[in-house]
């Protein structure tokens, strides 16, 4: 073949002006072994096109693609009102358990302390008023009861 003719065909090929027969001539030229050095850079393109024309997808290609595309139909299920509020019920139950455990733990920690009358909202201990008035010495619960009983008995004696 004349290399000038092949170069002209390549120019027309890049401008998209070749016919199918001329493109077939280019493919057969580049599949040969003796391709000139200045045209060898185009050889891979035409050999690749020839290899791709020989490769086919297969008979089951359409079935495989359709199986991948078609998603199973998902039916909507009805949810009752109780099912919708179930996460809220679970959260409320968890909060109730935590609060009740905290309350039980607080009472178990202060069960042996008899001077504690109540706890304020911050959680600090409030001692009985008699302890606060007595200064530094601690007054036990039993002593407070005995003092109040003595006062009541003295008042009764004074009335009589």
C-alpha atoms as a PDB file:
ATOM      1  CA  UNK A   1       0.000   0.000   0.000  1.00  0.00           C
ATOM      2  CA  UNK A   2       1.049   3.544  -0.547  1.00  0.00           C
ATOM      3  CA  UNK A   3       1.788   5.312   2.718  1.00  0.00           C
ATOM      4  CA  UNK A   4       0.646   8.660   1.269  1.00  0.00           C
ATOM      5  CA  UNK A   5      -2.777   7.161   0.658  1.00  0.00           C
ATOM      6  CA  UNK A   6      -2.933   5.891   4.268  1.00  0.00           C
ATOM      7  CA  UNK A   7      -1.925   9.350   5.549  1.00  0.00           C
ATOM      8  CA  UNK A   8      -4.695  10.916   3.438  1.00  0.00           C
ATOM      9  CA  UNK A   9      -7.181   8.382   4.791  1.00  0.00           C
ATOM     10  CA  UNK A  10      -6.081   9.209   8.336  1.00  0.00           C
ATOM     11  CA  UNK A  11      -6.596  12.930   7.691  1.00  0.00           C
ATOM     12  CA  UNK A  12     -10.097  12.239   6.397  1.00  0.00           C
ATOM     13  CA  UNK A  13     -10.712   9.853   9.322  1.00  0.00           C
ATOM     14  CA  UNK A  14      -9.899  12.575  11.880  1.00  0.00           C
ATOM     15  CA  UNK A  15     -12.278  14.927  10.065  1.00  0.00           C
ATOM     16  CA  UNK A  16     -15.008  12.210  10.073  1.00  0.00           C
ATOM     17  CA  UNK A  17     -15.229  12.086   6.275  1.00  0.00           C
ATOM     18  CA  UNK A  18     -14.300   8.443   5.636  1.00  0.00           C
ATOM     19  CA  UNK A  19     -16.689   5.739   4.544  1.00  0.00           C
ATOM     20  CA  UNK A  20     -17.011   2.347   6.229  1.00  0.00           C
ATOM     21  CA  UNK A  21     -14.908   0.718   3.497  1.00  0.00           C
ATOM     22  CA  UNK A  22     -12.099   3.219   3.986  1.00  0.00           C
ATOM     23  CA  UNK A  23     -12.152   2.664   7.757  1.00  0.00           C
ATOM     24  CA  UNK A  24     -11.947  -1.076   7.110  1.00  0.00           C
ATOM     25  CA  UNK A  25      -8.861  -0.434   4.938  1.00  0.00           C
ATOM     26  CA  UNK A  26      -7.266   1.520   7.803  1.00  0.00           C
ATOM     27  CA  UNK A  27      -7.999  -1.319  10.236  1.00  0.00           C
ATOM     28  CA  UNK A  28      -6.489  -3.945   7.962  1.00  0.00           C
ATOM     29  CA  UNK A  29      -3.435  -1.755   7.358  1.00  0.00           C
ATOM     30  CA  UNK A  30      -2.770  -1.258  11.071  1.00  0.00           C
ATOM     31  CA  UNK A  31      -3.249  -4.952  11.898  1.00  0.00           C
ATOM     32  CA  UNK A  32      -0.294  -5.833   9.691  1.00  0.00           C
ATOM     33  CA  UNK A  33       3.194  -6.240  11.163  1.00  0.00           C
ATOM     34  CA  UNK A  34       5.113  -3.818   8.928  1.00  0.00           C
ATOM     35  CA  UNK A  35       3.651  -0.447   9.931  1.00  0.00           C
ATOM     36  CA  UNK A  36       5.993   2.518   9.392  1.00  0.00           C
ATOM     37  CA  UNK A  37       7.434   4.204  12.473  1.00  0.00           C
ATOM     38  CA  UNK A  38       5.666   7.534  11.990  1.00  0.00           C
ATOM     39  CA  UNK A  39       2.262   5.782  11.775  1.00  0.00           C
ATOM     40  CA  UNK A  40       2.791   3.250  14.568  1.00  0.00           C
ATOM     41  CA  UNK A  41       1.255   5.591  17.163  1.00  0.00           C
ATOM     42  CA  UNK A  42      -2.189   5.024  15.550  1.00  0.00           C
ATOM     43  CA  UNK A  43      -1.866   1.249  15.527  1.00  0.00           C
ATOM     44  CA  UNK A  44      -3.246   0.738  19.052  1.00  0.00           C
ATOM     45  CA  UNK A  45      -6.418   2.661  18.216  1.00  0.00           C
ATOM     46  CA  UNK A  46      -7.354   0.564  15.212  1.00  0.00           C
ATOM     47  CA  UNK A  47      -6.316  -2.741  16.793  1.00  0.00           C
ATOM     48  CA  UNK A  48      -8.445  -1.899  19.827  1.00  0.00           C
ATOM     49  CA  UNK A  49     -11.435  -1.168  17.598  1.00  0.00           C
ATOM     50  CA  UNK A  50     -10.962  -4.517  15.861  1.00  0.00           C
ATOM     51  CA  UNK A  51     -10.786  -6.390  19.185  1.00  0.00           C
ATOM     52  CA  UNK A  52     -13.881  -4.650  20.494  1.00  0.00           C
ATOM     53  CA  UNK A  53     -15.886  -5.548  17.423  1.00  0.00           C
ATOM     54  CA  UNK A  54     -15.106  -9.215  17.990  1.00  0.00           C
ATOM     55  CA  UNK A  55     -16.256  -9.130  21.629  1.00  0.00           C
ATOM     56  CA  UNK A  56     -19.985  -9.607  22.270  1.00  0.00           C
ATOM     57  CA  UNK A  57     -22.076  -9.256  25.396  1.00  0.00           C
ATOM     58  CA  UNK A  58     -23.768 -12.635  25.408  1.00  0.00           C
ATOM     59  CA  UNK A  59     -27.312 -13.924  25.114  1.00  0.00           C
ATOM     60  CA  UNK A  60     -28.275 -13.454  28.765  1.00  0.00           C
ATOM     61  CA  UNK A  61     -27.029  -9.844  28.999  1.00  0.00           C
ATOM     62  CA  UNK A  62     -30.504  -8.314  28.703  1.00  0.00           C
ATOM     63  CA  UNK A  63     -31.917 -10.619  31.373  1.00  0.00           C
ATOM     64  CA  UNK A  64     -29.054  -9.788  33.781  1.00  0.00           C
ATOM     65  CA  UNK A  65     -29.431  -6.042  33.275  1.00  0.00           C
ATOM     66  CA  UNK A  66     -33.205  -6.170  33.725  1.00  0.00           C
ATOM     67  CA  UNK A  67     -32.799  -8.238  36.878  1.00  0.00           C
ATOM     68  CA  UNK A  68     -30.472  -5.576  38.309  1.00  0.00           C
ATOM     69  CA  UNK A  69     -32.706  -2.685  37.271  1.00  0.00           C
ATOM     70  CA  UNK A  70     -36.034  -4.033  38.454  1.00  0.00           C
ATOM     71  CA  UNK A  71     -36.226  -3.487  42.172  1.00  0.00           C
ATOM     72  CA  UNK A  72     -38.684  -5.500  44.230  1.00  0.00           C
ATOM     73  CA  UNK A  73     -41.906  -3.697  45.024  1.00  0.00           C
ATOM     74  CA  UNK A  74     -42.006  -2.524  48.600  1.00  0.00           C
ATOM     75  CA  UNK A  75     -45.457  -2.276  50.098  1.00  0.00           C
ATOM     76  CA  UNK A  76     -46.172   0.399  52.659  1.00  0.00           C
ATOM     77  CA  UNK A  77     -47.287  -0.978  55.976  1.00  0.00           C
ATOM     78  CA  UNK A  78     -49.778   0.659  58.257  1.00  0.00           C
ATOM     79  CA  UNK A  79     -48.562   1.823  61.616  1.00  0.00           C
ATOM     80  CA  UNK A  80     -50.872   2.125  64.559  1.00  0.00           C
ATOM     81  CA  UNK A  81     -50.777   5.063  66.915  1.00  0.00           C
ATOM     82  CA  UNK A  82     -49.180   2.936  69.629  1.00  0.00           C
ATOM     83  CA  UNK A  83     -46.440   1.832  67.215  1.00  0.00           C
ATOM     84  CA  UNK A  84     -45.715   5.447  66.297  1.00  0.00           C
ATOM     85  CA  UNK A  85     -45.382   6.488  69.930  1.00  0.00           C
ATOM     86  CA  UNK A  86     -43.395   3.408  70.987  1.00  0.00           C
ATOM     87  CA  UNK A  87     -39.993   5.213  70.862  1.00  0.00           C
ATOM     88  CA  UNK A  88     -41.457   7.983  73.026  1.00  0.00           C
ATOM     89  CA  UNK A  89     -42.759   5.404  75.528  1.00  0.00           C
ATOM     90  CA  UNK A  90     -39.344   3.749  75.664  1.00  0.00           C
ATOM     91  CA  UNK A  91     -37.607   7.070  76.283  1.00  0.00           C
ATOM     92  CA  UNK A  92     -40.086   7.978  79.044  1.00  0.00           C
ATOM     93  CA  UNK A  93     -39.560   4.593  80.681  1.00  0.00           C
ATOM     94  CA  UNK A  94     -35.785   5.043  80.577  1.00  0.00           C
ATOM     95  CA  UNK A  95     -36.054   8.504  82.147  1.00  0.00           C
ATOM     96  CA  UNK A  96     -38.373   7.151  84.873  1.00  0.00           C
ATOM     97  CA  UNK A  97     -35.947   4.326  85.661  1.00  0.00           C
ATOM     98  CA  UNK A  98     -32.995   6.700  85.883  1.00  0.00           C
ATOM     99  CA  UNK A  99     -34.858   9.146  88.117  1.00  0.00           C
ATOM    100  CA  UNK A 100     -36.159   6.438  90.426  1.00  0.00           C
ATOM    101  CA  UNK A 101     -32.707   4.862  90.715  1.00  0.00           C
ATOM    102  CA  UNK A 102     -31.267   8.262  91.555  1.00  0.00           C
ATOM    103  CA  UNK A 103     -33.887   8.787  94.230  1.00  0.00           C
ATOM    104  CA  UNK A 104     -33.283   5.334  95.731  1.00  0.00           C
ATOM    105  CA  UNK A 105     -29.521   5.879  95.718  1.00  0.00           C
ATOM    106  CA  UNK A 106     -29.887   9.258  97.398  1.00  0.00           C
ATOM    107  CA  UNK A 107     -32.015   7.793 100.188  1.00  0.00           C
ATOM    108  CA  UNK A 108     -29.684   4.828 100.622  1.00  0.00           C
ATOM    109  CA  UNK A 109     -26.641   7.101 100.972  1.00  0.00           C
ATOM    110  CA  UNK A 110     -28.300   9.257 103.636  1.00  0.00           C
ATOM    111  CA  UNK A 111     -30.154   6.500 105.504  1.00  0.00           C
ATOM    112  CA  UNK A 112     -27.598   6.344 108.309  1.00  0.00           C
ATOM    113  CA  UNK A 113     -27.481  10.140 108.802  1.00  0.00           C
ATOM    114  CA  UNK A 114     -30.290  11.062 111.211  1.00  0.00           C
ATOM    115  CA  UNK A 115     -29.764  14.817 111.196  1.00  0.00           C
ATOM    116  CA  UNK A 116     -30.805  15.236 107.581  1.00  0.00           C
ATOM    117  CA  UNK A 117     -34.360  16.502 107.503  1.00  0.00           C
ATOM    118  CA  UNK A 118     -34.722  17.051 103.766  1.00  0.00           C
ATOM    119  CA  UNK A 119     -32.767  17.769 100.614  1.00  0.00           C
ATOM    120  CA  UNK A 120     -33.125  20.968  98.630  1.00  0.00           C
ATOM    121  CA  UNK A 121     -33.463  21.094  94.851  1.00  0.00           C
ATOM    122  CA  UNK A 122     -29.730  21.410  94.282  1.00  0.00           C
ATOM    123  CA  UNK A 123     -29.021  18.289  96.297  1.00  0.00           C
ATOM    124  CA  UNK A 124     -27.261  19.884  99.255  1.00  0.00           C
ATOM    125  CA  UNK A 125     -28.068  18.611 102.738  1.00  0.00           C
ATOM    126  CA  UNK A 126     -30.276  20.679 104.968  1.00  0.00           C
ATOM    127  CA  UNK A 127     -29.876  19.746 108.612  1.00  0.00           C
ATOM    128  CA  UNK A 128     -32.579  20.015 111.217  1.00  0.00           C
ATOM    129  CA  UNK A 129     -33.022  23.548 112.624  1.00  0.00           C
ATOM    130  CA  UNK A 130     -31.936  22.522 116.105  1.00  0.00           C
ATOM    131  CA  UNK A 131     -28.576  21.424 114.773  1.00  0.00           C
ATOM    132  CA  UNK A 132     -28.124  24.759 113.067  1.00  0.00           C
ATOM    133  CA  UNK A 133     -28.935  26.642 116.265  1.00  0.00           C
ATOM    134  CA  UNK A 134     -26.764  24.555 118.556  1.00  0.00           C
ATOM    135  CA  UNK A 135     -23.525  25.701 117.005  1.00  0.00           C
ATOM    136  CA  UNK A 136     -20.643  23.332 116.496  1.00  0.00           C
ATOM    137  CA  UNK A 137     -21.793  20.387 118.566  1.00  0.00           C
ATOM    138  CA  UNK A 138     -23.996  17.869 116.844  1.00  0.00           C
ATOM    139  CA  UNK A 139     -27.416  17.121 118.300  1.00  0.00           C
ATOM    140  CA  UNK A 140     -28.775  13.690 117.645  1.00  0.00           C
ATOM    141  CA  UNK A 141     -32.339  12.953 116.693  1.00  0.00           C
ATOM    142  CA  UNK A 142     -33.005  11.053 119.916  1.00  0.00           C
ATOM    143  CA  UNK A 143     -31.809  13.976 122.015  1.00  0.00           C
ATOM    144  CA  UNK A 144     -34.148  16.308 120.144  1.00  0.00           C
ATOM    145  CA  UNK A 145     -37.088  14.015 120.850  1.00  0.00           C
ATOM    146  CA  UNK A 146     -36.161  13.734 124.513  1.00  0.00           C
ATOM    147  CA  UNK A 147     -35.849  17.507 124.829  1.00  0.00           C
ATOM    148  CA  UNK A 148     -39.239  18.058 123.270  1.00  0.00           C
ATOM    149  CA  UNK A 149     -40.786  15.419 125.569  1.00  0.00           C
ATOM    150  CA  UNK A 150     -39.227  17.082 128.652  1.00  0.00           C
ATOM    151  CA  UNK A 151     -40.641  20.445 127.607  1.00  0.00           C
ATOM    152  CA  UNK A 152     -44.082  18.979 127.113  1.00  0.00           C
ATOM    153  CA  UNK A 153     -43.934  17.267 130.525  1.00  0.00           C
ATOM    154  CA  UNK A 154     -42.747  20.490 132.231  1.00  0.00           C
ATOM    155  CA  UNK A 155     -45.614  22.420 130.678  1.00  0.00           C
ATOM    156  CA  UNK A 156     -48.085  19.845 131.990  1.00  0.00           C
ATOM    157  CA  UNK A 157     -46.565  20.068 135.460  1.00  0.00           C
ATOM    158  CA  UNK A 158     -46.751  23.826 135.433  1.00  0.00           C
ATOM    159  CA  UNK A 159     -50.431  23.712 134.503  1.00  0.00           C
ATOM    160  CA  UNK A 160     -51.266  21.421 137.325  1.00  0.00           C
END
